[in-house]
Amino acid sequence: MKTKLLFIFIIITESLSAQIPVLNSSMIPNIGDNYTYQIDTIPEHLINVTAGNGGENVTWDFSNSIAASGDTIVTSYVNPSTVNFNIAFPTSNIATISSDGTPNFYQLDNNGAENLGSVIGGYVFYFSNPLKLLFLPMTYLDNNTDSFAANYPQSPDYLVRTGVISAISDGYGTLIMPGNNTYQNVLRIKYTLNIIDSFNNGQNIDTLVEEYYDWYGSDITFPILQIGSRITNSSSSTENSIIKYIRIKTAQNLTTNISSEKANSLLASPNPTNGICYVNLPKSGENFQIIVHDMLGKAISKNIATPSSSFPLNLEQLENGIYFVNVSNSNFSKTIKLSKQ
């Protein structure tokens, strides 16, 4: 009898540990969310980095092969009405402002996320047929394909982009990151983009193939890890350009170690301001980075501030308008909308 009970217990335990994760509409970011990641494109850092095999109950161990190095990018999800050029994207219901300087506009619903376009160098880049970036719901062995088309008509080179994106969930299991941070029930999705860019009314043509893998946790909005590569074949060059990259999530929604009460105490005053305002910082075990962005997402200033302090922010040299102040460290991030008058 004891043998039978033990056998049943083992079967139940194995079935629980082998639960197949499902991505659904709970993965969709909300206005006010923040996503911080580090991106590394240095070839010497990526020599031994591969995505590994897919399959069931896979253990992907990157504890020693990758490191959280490279540039840190903070992406804030905001109401599109607060972002310049929003009139070009009337169906957008969320936008992002990143510390790399590029605003993007999206349309989100229960079926996923579509990229409607962005603003690059002051010119509008818009998708006449939006690029589907997230397909929902999705679980192991699900696959989706979608076409897209975009225009960059105001640019000096005039760009027309067409392509196809495919997404297949090729594995699930356990993800081990540097520091032995372990994530259970992770779903991996492989994305492949085949792109054709035509410049100067078709005189120059580039073909791009981008392939990347995203690892998603069942209760985590943004990818924990992304490993990808991009190959560009240009009609104006005899050699292909190959870029390999990794993105490592370092924080998200970002009130993990700071209570909501303390996060809500993060204020800039006076707001509106005519030049100098003070950012009241919550308690934390480490310093904060304070970055001021303009309406286009361009980083204007960067400062380091100690916790539990009132940091003076000088905007006297800036033109009147709307600015976004992002305050972050490794376990916290919040963006404040600030008006200079």
C-alpha atoms as a PDB file:
ATOM      1  CA  MET A   1       0.000   0.000   0.000  1.00  0.00           C
ATOM      2  CA  LYS A   2       2.834   2.425   0.909  1.00  0.00           C
ATOM      3  CA  THR A   3       4.495   1.675  -2.433  1.00  0.00           C
ATOM      4  CA  LYS A   4       1.314   2.528  -4.321  1.00  0.00           C
ATOM      5  CA  LEU A   5       0.864   5.782  -2.403  1.00  0.00           C
ATOM      6  CA  LEU A   6       4.477   6.761  -3.062  1.00  0.00           C
ATOM      7  CA  PHE A   7       4.030   6.008  -6.758  1.00  0.00           C
ATOM      8  CA  ILE A   8       0.900   8.195  -6.909  1.00  0.00           C
ATOM      9  CA  PHE A   9       2.675  11.019  -5.052  1.00  0.00           C
ATOM     10  CA  ILE A  10       5.580  10.937  -7.528  1.00  0.00           C
ATOM     11  CA  ILE A  11       3.196  11.124 -10.493  1.00  0.00           C
ATOM     12  CA  ILE A  12       1.344  14.099  -8.951  1.00  0.00           C
ATOM     13  CA  THR A  13       4.596  15.904  -8.108  1.00  0.00           C
ATOM     14  CA  GLU A  14       5.987  15.422 -11.610  1.00  0.00           C
ATOM     15  CA  SER A  15       2.769  16.617 -13.235  1.00  0.00           C
ATOM     16  CA  LEU A  16       2.819  19.778 -11.114  1.00  0.00           C
ATOM     17  CA  SER A  17       6.448  20.550 -11.941  1.00  0.00           C
ATOM     18  CA  ALA A  18       5.772  19.988 -15.636  1.00  0.00           C
ATOM     19  CA  GLN A  19       3.016  22.601 -15.832  1.00  0.00           C
ATOM     20  CA  ILE A  20       3.040  24.243 -19.261  1.00  0.00           C
ATOM     21  CA  PRO A  21       3.009  28.057 -18.961  1.00  0.00           C
ATOM     22  CA  VAL A  22       0.527  30.179 -20.902  1.00  0.00           C
ATOM     23  CA  LEU A  23       0.985  33.830 -21.854  1.00  0.00           C
ATOM     24  CA  ASN A  24      -2.277  35.780 -21.790  1.00  0.00           C
ATOM     25  CA  SER A  25      -3.568  39.343 -21.570  1.00  0.00           C
ATOM     26  CA  SER A  26      -2.090  39.739 -18.069  1.00  0.00           C
ATOM     27  CA  MET A  27       1.267  40.162 -19.867  1.00  0.00           C
ATOM     28  CA  ILE A  28       0.160  43.447 -21.437  1.00  0.00           C
ATOM     29  CA  PRO A  29       1.906  46.468 -19.887  1.00  0.00           C
ATOM     30  CA  ASN A  30      -0.065  49.361 -18.424  1.00  0.00           C
ATOM     31  CA  ILE A  31       0.456  53.096 -18.457  1.00  0.00           C
ATOM     32  CA  GLY A  32       2.829  53.835 -15.601  1.00  0.00           C
ATOM     33  CA  ASP A  33       4.822  50.616 -15.960  1.00  0.00           C
ATOM     34  CA  ASN A  34       8.574  50.724 -16.399  1.00  0.00           C
ATOM     35  CA  TYR A  35      10.975  48.179 -17.867  1.00  0.00           C
ATOM     36  CA  THR A  36      14.714  48.373 -17.253  1.00  0.00           C
ATOM     37  CA  TYR A  37      17.162  46.182 -19.133  1.00  0.00           C
ATOM     38  CA  GLN A  38      20.805  46.056 -20.137  1.00  0.00           C
ATOM     39  CA  ILE A  39      21.781  45.502 -23.756  1.00  0.00           C
ATOM     40  CA  ASP A  40      25.154  44.137 -24.835  1.00  0.00           C
ATOM     41  CA  THR A  41      26.375  44.012 -28.447  1.00  0.00           C
ATOM     42  CA  ILE A  42      30.109  43.623 -27.805  1.00  0.00           C
ATOM     43  CA  PRO A  43      31.225  40.543 -29.809  1.00  0.00           C
ATOM     44  CA  GLU A  44      33.819  39.471 -27.220  1.00  0.00           C
ATOM     45  CA  HIS A  45      31.097  39.215 -24.586  1.00  0.00           C
ATOM     46  CA  LEU A  46      28.855  37.059 -26.780  1.00  0.00           C
ATOM     47  CA  ILE A  47      31.255  34.480 -28.226  1.00  0.00           C
ATOM     48  CA  ASN A  48      29.912  31.617 -26.110  1.00  0.00           C
ATOM     49  CA  VAL A  49      26.308  32.788 -25.895  1.00  0.00           C
ATOM     50  CA  THR A  50      23.764  30.606 -27.696  1.00  0.00           C
ATOM     51  CA  ALA A  51      20.033  30.277 -27.197  1.00  0.00           C
ATOM     52  CA  GLY A  52      20.275  26.513 -26.641  1.00  0.00           C
ATOM     53  CA  ASN A  53      17.732  23.871 -27.530  1.00  0.00           C
ATOM     54  CA  GLY A  54      13.973  24.051 -27.202  1.00  0.00           C
ATOM     55  CA  GLY A  55      11.631  21.359 -25.952  1.00  0.00           C
ATOM     56  CA  GLU A  56       9.726  20.324 -22.846  1.00  0.00           C
ATOM     57  CA  ASN A  57      11.062  20.856 -19.307  1.00  0.00           C
ATOM     58  CA  VAL A  58      14.317  22.359 -20.552  1.00  0.00           C
ATOM     59  CA  THR A  59      16.830  23.938 -18.162  1.00  0.00           C
ATOM     60  CA  TRP A  60      18.529  26.965 -19.743  1.00  0.00           C
ATOM     61  CA  ASP A  61      21.545  27.769 -17.599  1.00  0.00           C
ATOM     62  CA  PHE A  62      23.106  31.165 -18.383  1.00  0.00           C
ATOM     63  CA  SER A  63      24.548  31.697 -14.908  1.00  0.00           C
ATOM     64  CA  ASN A  64      28.131  31.698 -16.220  1.00  0.00           C
ATOM     65  CA  SER A  65      27.818  32.508 -19.927  1.00  0.00           C
ATOM     66  CA  ILE A  66      26.229  35.963 -19.790  1.00  0.00           C
ATOM     67  CA  ALA A  67      26.485  38.997 -17.534  1.00  0.00           C
ATOM     68  CA  ALA A  68      24.384  42.082 -16.921  1.00  0.00           C
ATOM     69  CA  SER A  69      26.714  44.476 -18.714  1.00  0.00           C
ATOM     70  CA  GLY A  70      26.395  47.087 -21.409  1.00  0.00           C
ATOM     71  CA  ASP A  71      24.083  50.092 -21.689  1.00  0.00           C
ATOM     72  CA  THR A  72      21.127  50.354 -19.330  1.00  0.00           C
ATOM     73  CA  ILE A  73      17.845  51.287 -21.030  1.00  0.00           C
ATOM     74  CA  VAL A  74      14.808  52.430 -19.055  1.00  0.00           C
ATOM     75  CA  THR A  75      11.501  52.281 -20.929  1.00  0.00           C
ATOM     76  CA  SER A  76       8.492  54.080 -19.458  1.00  0.00           C
ATOM     77  CA  TYR A  77       4.950  53.310 -20.623  1.00  0.00           C
ATOM     78  CA  VAL A  78       2.922  56.513 -20.877  1.00  0.00           C
ATOM     79  CA  ASN A  79      -0.315  57.906 -22.217  1.00  0.00           C
ATOM     80  CA  PRO A  80       0.301  58.657 -25.930  1.00  0.00           C
ATOM     81  CA  SER A  81      -1.454  62.020 -25.585  1.00  0.00           C
ATOM     82  CA  THR A  82       1.526  63.205 -23.532  1.00  0.00           C
ATOM     83  CA  VAL A  83       4.049  62.418 -26.291  1.00  0.00           C
ATOM     84  CA  ASN A  84       4.905  64.723 -29.162  1.00  0.00           C
ATOM     85  CA  PHE A  85       3.739  63.645 -32.671  1.00  0.00           C
ATOM     86  CA  ASN A  86       0.882  61.601 -31.140  1.00  0.00           C
ATOM     87  CA  ILE A  87      -1.471  63.050 -33.758  1.00  0.00           C
ATOM     88  CA  ALA A  88       0.226  60.784 -36.331  1.00  0.00           C
ATOM     89  CA  PHE A  89      -0.926  57.707 -34.371  1.00  0.00           C
ATOM     90  CA  PRO A  90      -4.628  58.246 -33.579  1.00  0.00           C
ATOM     91  CA  THR A  91      -5.304  54.559 -32.705  1.00  0.00           C
ATOM     92  CA  SER A  92      -2.437  54.290 -30.212  1.00  0.00           C
ATOM     93  CA  ASN A  93      -3.523  53.547 -26.642  1.00  0.00           C
ATOM     94  CA  ILE A  94      -0.033  53.402 -25.082  1.00  0.00           C
ATOM     95  CA  ALA A  95       3.390  54.841 -25.902  1.00  0.00           C
ATOM     96  CA  THR A  96       6.914  54.315 -24.630  1.00  0.00           C
ATOM     97  CA  ILE A  97       9.682  56.763 -23.885  1.00  0.00           C
ATOM     98  CA  SER A  98      13.106  55.165 -23.588  1.00  0.00           C
ATOM     99  CA  SER A  99      16.394  56.513 -22.329  1.00  0.00           C
ATOM    100  CA  ASP A 100      17.878  55.761 -25.760  1.00  0.00           C
ATOM    101  CA  GLY A 101      15.820  58.683 -27.088  1.00  0.00           C
ATOM    102  CA  THR A 102      13.135  57.063 -29.281  1.00  0.00           C
ATOM    103  CA  PRO A 103       9.381  57.296 -28.582  1.00  0.00           C
ATOM    104  CA  ASN A 104       7.246  54.420 -29.877  1.00  0.00           C
ATOM    105  CA  PHE A 105       3.483  54.129 -30.268  1.00  0.00           C
ATOM    106  CA  TYR A 106       1.484  50.925 -29.793  1.00  0.00           C
ATOM    107  CA  GLN A 107      -2.006  49.528 -29.868  1.00  0.00           C
ATOM    108  CA  LEU A 108      -2.664  46.925 -27.176  1.00  0.00           C
ATOM    109  CA  ASP A 109      -5.583  44.565 -26.695  1.00  0.00           C
ATOM    110  CA  ASN A 110      -6.225  41.059 -25.382  1.00  0.00           C
ATOM    111  CA  ASN A 111      -4.728  39.594 -28.558  1.00  0.00           C
ATOM    112  CA  GLY A 112      -1.323  41.195 -28.036  1.00  0.00           C
ATOM    113  CA  ALA A 113       0.632  44.283 -29.035  1.00  0.00           C
ATOM    114  CA  GLU A 114       1.124  46.049 -32.371  1.00  0.00           C
ATOM    115  CA  ASN A 115       3.809  48.616 -33.142  1.00  0.00           C
ATOM    116  CA  LEU A 116       2.218  51.559 -34.954  1.00  0.00           C
ATOM    117  CA  GLY A 117       5.425  53.513 -35.443  1.00  0.00           C
ATOM    118  CA  SER A 118       7.966  55.830 -33.883  1.00  0.00           C
ATOM    119  CA  VAL A 119       9.699  59.167 -34.288  1.00  0.00           C
ATOM    120  CA  ILE A 120      13.315  58.985 -35.458  1.00  0.00           C
ATOM    121  CA  GLY A 121      15.434  62.097 -35.796  1.00  0.00           C
ATOM    122  CA  GLY A 122      12.329  64.267 -35.756  1.00  0.00           C
ATOM    123  CA  TYR A 123      10.718  62.307 -38.620  1.00  0.00           C
ATOM    124  CA  VAL A 124       7.639  60.100 -38.284  1.00  0.00           C
ATOM    125  CA  PHE A 125       8.144  56.427 -39.105  1.00  0.00           C
ATOM    126  CA  TYR A 126       4.721  54.789 -39.289  1.00  0.00           C
ATOM    127  CA  PHE A 127       3.388  51.323 -40.070  1.00  0.00           C
ATOM    128  CA  SER A 128       0.639  51.345 -42.676  1.00  0.00           C
ATOM    129  CA  ASN A 129       0.229  47.676 -41.735  1.00  0.00           C
ATOM    130  CA  PRO A 130       1.256  47.429 -38.045  1.00  0.00           C
ATOM    131  CA  LEU A 131       4.022  45.137 -36.817  1.00  0.00           C
ATOM    132  CA  LYS A 132       2.651  42.527 -34.411  1.00  0.00           C
ATOM    133  CA  LEU A 133       5.187  42.223 -31.594  1.00  0.00           C
ATOM    134  CA  LEU A 134       3.271  40.088 -29.112  1.00  0.00           C
ATOM    135  CA  PHE A 135       0.766  37.349 -29.945  1.00  0.00           C
ATOM    136  CA  LEU A 136      -1.710  36.363 -27.208  1.00  0.00           C
ATOM    137  CA  PRO A 137      -2.660  33.921 -25.861  1.00  0.00           C
ATOM    138  CA  MET A 138       0.379  31.726 -26.443  1.00  0.00           C
ATOM    139  CA  THR A 139       1.657  28.434 -25.042  1.00  0.00           C
ATOM    140  CA  TYR A 140       4.062  25.676 -25.998  1.00  0.00           C
ATOM    141  CA  LEU A 141       4.128  24.836 -29.756  1.00  0.00           C
ATOM    142  CA  ASP A 142       1.781  27.679 -30.669  1.00  0.00           C
ATOM    143  CA  ASN A 143       2.917  29.571 -33.766  1.00  0.00           C
ATOM    144  CA  ASN A 144       1.770  32.748 -35.495  1.00  0.00           C
ATOM    145  CA  THR A 145       2.715  34.645 -38.658  1.00  0.00           C
ATOM    146  CA  ASP A 146       1.857  38.192 -39.687  1.00  0.00           C
ATOM    147  CA  SER A 147       2.916  40.662 -42.392  1.00  0.00           C
ATOM    148  CA  PHE A 148       3.740  44.330 -41.912  1.00  0.00           C
ATOM    149  CA  ALA A 149       4.555  47.435 -43.953  1.00  0.00           C
ATOM    150  CA  ALA A 150       5.980  50.817 -42.995  1.00  0.00           C
ATOM    151  CA  ASN A 151       6.971  54.169 -44.456  1.00  0.00           C
ATOM    152  CA  TYR A 152       9.525  56.795 -43.517  1.00  0.00           C
ATOM    153  CA  PRO A 153       8.455  59.388 -46.120  1.00  0.00           C
ATOM    154  CA  GLN A 154       9.963  62.512 -44.548  1.00  0.00           C
ATOM    155  CA  SER A 155      13.485  61.129 -44.267  1.00  0.00           C
ATOM    156  CA  PRO A 156      16.122  62.271 -46.774  1.00  0.00           C
ATOM    157  CA  ASP A 157      16.540  58.707 -48.067  1.00  0.00           C
ATOM    158  CA  TYR A 158      12.805  57.858 -48.104  1.00  0.00           C
ATOM    159  CA  LEU A 159      12.364  54.369 -46.697  1.00  0.00           C
ATOM    160  CA  VAL A 160       9.662  51.819 -47.518  1.00  0.00           C
ATOM    161  CA  ARG A 161       9.753  48.680 -45.367  1.00  0.00           C
ATOM    162  CA  THR A 162       7.849  45.433 -45.864  1.00  0.00           C
ATOM    163  CA  GLY A 163       8.205  42.110 -44.139  1.00  0.00           C
ATOM    164  CA  VAL A 164       6.866  39.080 -42.304  1.00  0.00           C
ATOM    165  CA  ILE A 165       7.205  38.162 -38.640  1.00  0.00           C
ATOM    166  CA  SER A 166       6.740  34.650 -37.293  1.00  0.00           C
ATOM    167  CA  ALA A 167       6.594  33.554 -33.667  1.00  0.00           C
ATOM    168  CA  ILE A 168       6.727  30.013 -32.313  1.00  0.00           C
ATOM    169  CA  SER A 169       6.873  28.927 -28.716  1.00  0.00           C
ATOM    170  CA  ASP A 170       9.560  26.272 -28.980  1.00  0.00           C
ATOM    171  CA  GLY A 171      10.234  25.417 -25.349  1.00  0.00           C
ATOM    172  CA  TYR A 172       9.408  25.760 -21.676  1.00  0.00           C
ATOM    173  CA  GLY A 173      11.138  24.953 -18.421  1.00  0.00           C
ATOM    174  CA  THR A 174      13.604  26.590 -16.025  1.00  0.00           C
ATOM    175  CA  LEU A 175      15.774  29.637 -16.680  1.00  0.00           C
ATOM    176  CA  ILE A 176      18.906  30.221 -14.577  1.00  0.00           C
ATOM    177  CA  MET A 177      20.383  33.711 -14.804  1.00  0.00           C
ATOM    178  CA  PRO A 178      23.601  35.269 -13.424  1.00  0.00           C
ATOM    179  CA  GLY A 179      23.672  35.245  -9.637  1.00  0.00           C
ATOM    180  CA  ASN A 180      21.805  31.917  -9.796  1.00  0.00           C
ATOM    181  CA  ASN A 181      18.500  33.774 -10.099  1.00  0.00           C
ATOM    182  CA  THR A 182      16.171  30.955 -11.105  1.00  0.00           C
ATOM    183  CA  TYR A 183      12.786  31.255 -12.836  1.00  0.00           C
ATOM    184  CA  GLN A 184      10.411  28.286 -13.025  1.00  0.00           C
ATOM    185  CA  ASN A 185       7.714  27.641 -15.655  1.00  0.00           C
ATOM    186  CA  VAL A 186       9.327  29.918 -18.230  1.00  0.00           C
ATOM    187  CA  LEU A 187       8.039  29.966 -21.807  1.00  0.00           C
ATOM    188  CA  ARG A 188      10.472  30.617 -24.659  1.00  0.00           C
ATOM    189  CA  ILE A 189       9.316  32.205 -27.914  1.00  0.00           C
ATOM    190  CA  LYS A 190      11.402  32.322 -31.064  1.00  0.00           C
ATOM    191  CA  TYR A 191      10.759  35.303 -33.370  1.00  0.00           C
ATOM    192  CA  THR A 192      11.934  35.586 -36.970  1.00  0.00           C
ATOM    193  CA  LEU A 193      11.615  38.769 -39.021  1.00  0.00           C
ATOM    194  CA  ASN A 194      12.277  38.863 -42.767  1.00  0.00           C
ATOM    195  CA  ILE A 195      12.494  42.502 -43.865  1.00  0.00           C
ATOM    196  CA  ILE A 196      12.991  44.328 -47.162  1.00  0.00           C
ATOM    197  CA  ASP A 197      13.970  48.013 -47.024  1.00  0.00           C
ATOM    198  CA  SER A 198      13.800  50.096 -50.192  1.00  0.00           C
ATOM    199  CA  PHE A 199      15.566  53.475 -50.252  1.00  0.00           C
ATOM    200  CA  ASN A 200      15.425  56.370 -52.703  1.00  0.00           C
ATOM    201  CA  ASN A 201      12.378  55.019 -54.538  1.00  0.00           C
ATOM    202  CA  GLY A 202      13.860  51.543 -54.923  1.00  0.00           C
ATOM    203  CA  GLN A 203      17.360  52.488 -56.038  1.00  0.00           C
ATOM    204  CA  ASN A 204      18.951  50.838 -52.988  1.00  0.00           C
ATOM    205  CA  ILE A 205      17.549  47.742 -51.318  1.00  0.00           C
ATOM    206  CA  ASP A 206      18.524  46.106 -48.028  1.00  0.00           C
ATOM    207  CA  THR A 207      17.304  42.720 -46.856  1.00  0.00           C
ATOM    208  CA  LEU A 208      17.371  41.974 -43.143  1.00  0.00           C
ATOM    209  CA  VAL A 209      16.826  38.770 -41.230  1.00  0.00           C
ATOM    210  CA  GLU A 210      16.428  39.157 -37.494  1.00  0.00           C
ATOM    211  CA  GLU A 211      16.035  36.171 -35.205  1.00  0.00           C
ATOM    212  CA  TYR A 212      15.639  36.408 -31.464  1.00  0.00           C
ATOM    213  CA  TYR A 213      14.481  34.343 -28.502  1.00  0.00           C
ATOM    214  CA  ASP A 214      12.455  35.736 -25.577  1.00  0.00           C
ATOM    215  CA  TRP A 215      12.100  33.994 -22.228  1.00  0.00           C
ATOM    216  CA  TYR A 216       8.905  34.934 -20.362  1.00  0.00           C
ATOM    217  CA  GLY A 217       7.996  34.163 -16.760  1.00  0.00           C
ATOM    218  CA  SER A 218       4.369  33.314 -16.021  1.00  0.00           C
ATOM    219  CA  ASP A 219       3.973  36.330 -13.696  1.00  0.00           C
ATOM    220  CA  ILE A 220       6.423  38.715 -15.363  1.00  0.00           C
ATOM    221  CA  THR A 221       5.197  41.276 -17.889  1.00  0.00           C
ATOM    222  CA  PHE A 222       8.434  41.756 -19.805  1.00  0.00           C
ATOM    223  CA  PRO A 223      10.991  39.253 -21.182  1.00  0.00           C
ATOM    224  CA  ILE A 224      13.527  38.117 -18.599  1.00  0.00           C
ATOM    225  CA  LEU A 225      16.096  37.507 -21.319  1.00  0.00           C
ATOM    226  CA  GLN A 226      16.420  38.094 -25.050  1.00  0.00           C
ATOM    227  CA  ILE A 227      19.138  36.659 -27.282  1.00  0.00           C
ATOM    228  CA  GLY A 228      19.139  37.703 -30.915  1.00  0.00           C
ATOM    229  CA  SER A 229      21.015  38.417 -34.108  1.00  0.00           C
ATOM    230  CA  ARG A 230      20.458  40.622 -37.155  1.00  0.00           C
ATOM    231  CA  ILE A 231      21.933  40.004 -40.603  1.00  0.00           C
ATOM    232  CA  THR A 232      21.788  42.828 -43.162  1.00  0.00           C
ATOM    233  CA  ASN A 233      22.530  42.353 -46.856  1.00  0.00           C
ATOM    234  CA  SER A 234      22.820  45.719 -48.578  1.00  0.00           C
ATOM    235  CA  SER A 235      22.761  46.314 -52.328  1.00  0.00           C
ATOM    236  CA  SER A 236      25.383  49.001 -51.758  1.00  0.00           C
ATOM    237  CA  SER A 237      27.859  46.628 -50.074  1.00  0.00           C
ATOM    238  CA  THR A 238      29.478  43.300 -50.929  1.00  0.00           C
ATOM    239  CA  GLU A 239      29.587  42.168 -47.288  1.00  0.00           C
ATOM    240  CA  ASN A 240      26.816  41.231 -44.899  1.00  0.00           C
ATOM    241  CA  SER A 241      26.515  43.050 -41.596  1.00  0.00           C
ATOM    242  CA  ILE A 242      25.964  40.740 -38.614  1.00  0.00           C
ATOM    243  CA  ILE A 243      24.995  42.034 -35.183  1.00  0.00           C
ATOM    244  CA  LYS A 244      24.472  39.769 -32.196  1.00  0.00           C
ATOM    245  CA  TYR A 245      22.900  41.060 -28.987  1.00  0.00           C
ATOM    246  CA  ILE A 246      21.477  40.140 -25.608  1.00  0.00           C
ATOM    247  CA  ARG A 247      19.004  42.014 -23.414  1.00  0.00           C
ATOM    248  CA  ILE A 248      18.773  41.180 -19.720  1.00  0.00           C
ATOM    249  CA  LYS A 249      15.876  42.425 -17.603  1.00  0.00           C
ATOM    250  CA  THR A 250      17.157  44.145 -14.481  1.00  0.00           C
ATOM    251  CA  ALA A 251      13.862  45.535 -13.145  1.00  0.00           C
ATOM    252  CA  GLN A 252      10.151  45.819 -13.998  1.00  0.00           C
ATOM    253  CA  ASN A 253       7.042  47.469 -12.586  1.00  0.00           C
ATOM    254  CA  LEU A 254       9.728  48.229 -10.127  1.00  0.00           C
ATOM    255  CA  THR A 255       8.236  48.509  -6.681  1.00  0.00           C
ATOM    256  CA  THR A 256       9.550  45.089  -5.624  1.00  0.00           C
ATOM    257  CA  ASN A 257      11.662  46.200  -2.677  1.00  0.00           C
ATOM    258  CA  ILE A 258      10.044  49.567  -2.010  1.00  0.00           C
ATOM    259  CA  SER A 259       6.520  49.718  -0.652  1.00  0.00           C
ATOM    260  CA  SER A 260       3.738  51.313  -2.694  1.00  0.00           C
ATOM    261  CA  GLU A 261       3.380  53.978  -0.018  1.00  0.00           C
ATOM    262  CA  LYS A 262       7.028  54.983  -0.401  1.00  0.00           C
ATOM    263  CA  ALA A 263       6.824  54.796  -4.193  1.00  0.00           C
ATOM    264  CA  ASN A 264       3.817  57.098  -4.152  1.00  0.00           C
ATOM    265  CA  SER A 265       5.790  59.543  -1.958  1.00  0.00           C
ATOM    266  CA  LEU A 266       8.141  60.175  -4.884  1.00  0.00           C
ATOM    267  CA  LEU A 267       7.152  63.676  -5.945  1.00  0.00           C
ATOM    268  CA  ALA A 268       8.681  66.632  -7.737  1.00  0.00           C
ATOM    269  CA  SER A 269       7.758  70.025  -6.376  1.00  0.00           C
ATOM    270  CA  PRO A 270       6.908  72.640  -7.292  1.00  0.00           C
ATOM    271  CA  ASN A 271       5.227  71.193 -10.359  1.00  0.00           C
ATOM    272  CA  PRO A 272       4.764  73.195 -12.580  1.00  0.00           C
ATOM    273  CA  THR A 273       8.134  74.834 -12.029  1.00  0.00           C
ATOM    274  CA  ASN A 274       9.790  77.921 -13.462  1.00  0.00           C
ATOM    275  CA  GLY A 275      13.286  76.488 -13.117  1.00  0.00           C
ATOM    276  CA  ILE A 276      14.237  74.562  -9.960  1.00  0.00           C
ATOM    277  CA  CYS A 277      12.202  71.795  -8.389  1.00  0.00           C
ATOM    278  CA  TYR A 278      12.980  69.165  -5.770  1.00  0.00           C
ATOM    279  CA  VAL A 279      12.588  65.401  -6.168  1.00  0.00           C
ATOM    280  CA  ASN A 280      11.765  63.722  -2.853  1.00  0.00           C
ATOM    281  CA  LEU A 281      13.469  60.309  -2.896  1.00  0.00           C
ATOM    282  CA  PRO A 282      12.260  57.304  -0.853  1.00  0.00           C
ATOM    283  CA  LYS A 283      14.381  55.119   1.400  1.00  0.00           C
ATOM    284  CA  SER A 284      16.487  52.512  -0.374  1.00  0.00           C
ATOM    285  CA  GLY A 285      19.696  50.557   0.053  1.00  0.00           C
ATOM    286  CA  GLU A 286      21.342  52.152  -2.960  1.00  0.00           C
ATOM    287  CA  ASN A 287      21.602  55.424  -4.845  1.00  0.00           C
ATOM    288  CA  PHE A 288      19.135  56.522  -7.503  1.00  0.00           C
ATOM    289  CA  GLN A 289      19.759  57.564 -11.095  1.00  0.00           C
ATOM    290  CA  ILE A 290      17.683  60.568 -12.168  1.00  0.00           C
ATOM    291  CA  ILE A 291      17.246  61.114 -15.928  1.00  0.00           C
ATOM    292  CA  VAL A 292      15.275  63.968 -17.469  1.00  0.00           C
ATOM    293  CA  HIS A 293      13.711  63.300 -20.915  1.00  0.00           C
ATOM    294  CA  ASP A 294      12.061  65.680 -23.330  1.00  0.00           C
ATOM    295  CA  MET A 295       8.827  64.922 -25.222  1.00  0.00           C
ATOM    296  CA  LEU A 296      10.759  62.989 -27.873  1.00  0.00           C
ATOM    297  CA  GLY A 297      12.333  60.740 -25.279  1.00  0.00           C
ATOM    298  CA  LYS A 298      15.782  62.329 -25.575  1.00  0.00           C
ATOM    299  CA  ALA A 299      17.798  62.196 -22.360  1.00  0.00           C
ATOM    300  CA  ILE A 300      18.646  65.794 -21.410  1.00  0.00           C
ATOM    301  CA  SER A 301      20.388  65.307 -18.075  1.00  0.00           C
ATOM    302  CA  LYS A 302      21.562  62.481 -15.815  1.00  0.00           C
ATOM    303  CA  ASN A 303      22.300  62.674 -12.087  1.00  0.00           C
ATOM    304  CA  ILE A 304      23.076  60.328  -9.209  1.00  0.00           C
ATOM    305  CA  ALA A 305      21.279  61.005  -5.922  1.00  0.00           C
ATOM    306  CA  THR A 306      21.304  59.454  -2.473  1.00  0.00           C
ATOM    307  CA  PRO A 307      18.120  57.912  -1.034  1.00  0.00           C
ATOM    308  CA  SER A 308      15.978  59.646   1.577  1.00  0.00           C
ATOM    309  CA  SER A 309      16.939  63.027   0.218  1.00  0.00           C
ATOM    310  CA  SER A 310      15.404  65.983  -1.588  1.00  0.00           C
ATOM    311  CA  PHE A 311      17.334  66.323  -4.833  1.00  0.00           C
ATOM    312  CA  PRO A 312      17.382  69.773  -6.525  1.00  0.00           C
ATOM    313  CA  LEU A 313      16.654  69.555 -10.251  1.00  0.00           C
ATOM    314  CA  ASN A 314      17.638  72.607 -12.282  1.00  0.00           C
ATOM    315  CA  LEU A 315      15.567  73.169 -15.440  1.00  0.00           C
ATOM    316  CA  GLU A 316      16.302  76.881 -15.808  1.00  0.00           C
ATOM    317  CA  GLN A 317      18.165  76.419 -19.106  1.00  0.00           C
ATOM    318  CA  LEU A 318      15.376  74.359 -20.689  1.00  0.00           C
ATOM    319  CA  GLU A 319      12.557  75.676 -22.839  1.00  0.00           C
ATOM    320  CA  ASN A 320       9.051  75.744 -21.394  1.00  0.00           C
ATOM    321  CA  GLY A 321       7.169  72.498 -21.966  1.00  0.00           C
ATOM    322  CA  ILE A 322       6.582  68.966 -20.697  1.00  0.00           C
ATOM    323  CA  TYR A 323       9.432  66.793 -19.420  1.00  0.00           C
ATOM    324  CA  PHE A 324       9.639  63.320 -17.913  1.00  0.00           C
ATOM    325  CA  VAL A 325      11.828  62.605 -14.892  1.00  0.00           C
ATOM    326  CA  ASN A 326      12.763  58.939 -14.436  1.00  0.00           C
ATOM    327  CA  VAL A 327      14.067  57.899 -11.007  1.00  0.00           C
ATOM    328  CA  SER A 328      15.480  54.377 -10.815  1.00  0.00           C
ATOM    329  CA  ASN A 329      17.873  51.923  -9.259  1.00  0.00           C
ATOM    330  CA  SER A 330      18.162  48.139  -9.544  1.00  0.00           C
ATOM    331  CA  ASN A 331      14.828  47.454  -7.805  1.00  0.00           C
ATOM    332  CA  PHE A 332      12.775  50.594  -8.364  1.00  0.00           C
ATOM    333  CA  SER A 333      11.713  52.908 -11.152  1.00  0.00           C
ATOM    334  CA  LYS A 334       9.120  55.603 -11.503  1.00  0.00           C
ATOM    335  CA  THR A 335       8.584  58.343 -14.081  1.00  0.00           C
ATOM    336  CA  ILE A 336       7.191  61.757 -13.120  1.00  0.00           C
ATOM    337  CA  LYS A 337       5.610  64.126 -15.629  1.00  0.00           C
ATOM    338  CA  LEU A 338       6.974  67.634 -15.021  1.00  0.00           C
ATOM    339  CA  SER A 339       5.856  70.945 -16.479  1.00  0.00           C
ATOM    340  CA  LYS A 340       8.293  73.836 -17.026  1.00  0.00           C
ATOM    341  CA  GLN A 341       6.564  77.210 -17.362  1.00  0.00           C
END
